[in-house]
Amino acid sequence: MKQRRRGSDACQDRSSRPLKLAWKASEEERAIVYQLRRSTGFDRDDLTFVVRHFLPHLKRDNIWRILKDKGLKTIAIA
């Protein structure tokens, strides 16, 4: 019934993807996470603990996505 009142355009399939990704970090924030990971070699939990002190909006999953994007999910410490 609602669809008839809204018109035929309302019945079309549309994307349900959000227009803005909630986890998207700025380039500066990404650079900070990259550099901290490379210089300290912290695992994801320790890195999250440190990063959350000055970038509180970045959660553990956000940091994982940033590291995955750069190929730093696992790091070999020499």
Protein backbone atom coordinates (compact mmCIF):
# COMPACT_ATOMS: atom_id res chain seq x y z
CA MET A 1 0.00 0.00 0.00
CA LYS A 2 2.80 2.45 0.90
CA GLN A 3 4.54 1.79 -2.40
CA ARG A 4 1.49 2.81 -4.39
CA ARG A 5 1.23 6.10 -2.52
CA ARG A 6 4.92 6.85 -3.03
CA GLY A 7 4.84 6.17 -6.76
CA SER A 8 6.63 3.76 -9.06
CA ASP A 9 10.07 5.32 -8.40
CA ALA A 10 9.89 4.21 -4.76
CA CYS A 11 9.70 0.57 -5.83
CA GLN A 12 13.06 0.63 -7.64
CA ASP A 13 16.05 -1.09 -6.12
CA ARG A 14 18.50 1.34 -4.56
CA SER A 15 21.80 0.85 -2.84
CA SER A 16 21.63 0.54 0.93
CA ARG A 17 25.33 1.41 1.27
CA PRO A 18 25.96 4.45 3.45
CA LEU A 19 27.03 7.54 1.55
CA LYS A 20 29.96 8.16 3.88
CA LEU A 21 32.03 5.36 5.37
CA ALA A 22 32.15 5.65 9.14
CA TRP A 23 35.66 4.20 9.41
CA LYS A 24 37.32 6.45 6.87
CA ALA A 25 40.37 8.10 8.41
CA SER A 26 42.14 11.15 7.04
CA GLU A 27 45.50 10.83 5.32
CA GLU A 28 47.22 12.40 8.34
CA GLU A 29 45.63 9.89 10.71
CA ARG A 30 46.58 7.02 8.43
CA ALA A 31 50.18 8.27 8.28
CA ILE A 32 50.33 8.40 12.08
CA VAL A 33 49.12 4.80 12.37
CA TYR A 34 51.59 3.62 9.67
CA GLN A 35 54.53 5.34 11.31
CA LEU A 36 53.69 4.11 14.80
CA ARG A 37 53.36 0.54 13.55
CA ARG A 38 56.64 0.68 11.66
CA SER A 39 58.64 2.36 14.43
CA THR A 40 57.28 0.39 17.41
CA GLY A 41 56.25 -2.96 15.93
CA PHE A 42 53.28 -3.07 18.32
CA ASP A 43 50.56 -5.62 17.69
CA ARG A 44 47.08 -4.33 16.90
CA ASP A 45 45.84 -4.22 20.51
CA ASP A 46 48.87 -2.32 21.80
CA LEU A 47 48.79 0.01 18.81
CA THR A 48 45.09 0.69 19.42
CA PHE A 49 45.79 1.48 23.06
CA VAL A 50 48.43 4.06 22.10
CA VAL A 51 46.52 5.60 19.17
CA ARG A 52 43.27 6.00 21.13
CA HIS A 53 45.00 8.47 23.49
CA PHE A 54 45.31 11.11 20.78
CA LEU A 55 42.85 9.83 18.12
CA PRO A 56 39.94 8.57 20.27
CA HIS A 57 37.55 8.11 17.33
CA LEU A 58 39.74 5.37 15.78
CA LYS A 59 38.66 1.99 17.05
CA ARG A 60 40.45 -1.36 16.79
CA ASP A 61 38.68 -2.29 13.55
CA ASN A 62 39.56 1.08 12.01
CA ILE A 63 43.22 0.51 12.77
CA TRP A 64 43.06 -3.00 11.33
CA ARG A 65 41.58 -1.63 8.08
CA ILE A 66 44.28 1.03 7.87
CA LEU A 67 47.03 -1.55 8.37
CA LYS A 68 45.40 -3.96 5.93
CA ASP A 69 45.23 -1.24 3.29
CA LYS A 70 48.97 -0.60 3.60
CA GLY A 71 49.87 -4.30 3.88
CA LEU A 72 51.08 -3.97 7.48
CA LYS A 73 48.71 -6.46 9.14
CA THR A 74 51.68 -8.57 10.12
CA ILE A 75 55.09 -7.11 10.63
CA ALA A 76 58.38 -8.90 10.94
CA ILE A 77 60.61 -7.49 13.65
CA ALA A 78 64.27 -7.98 12.92
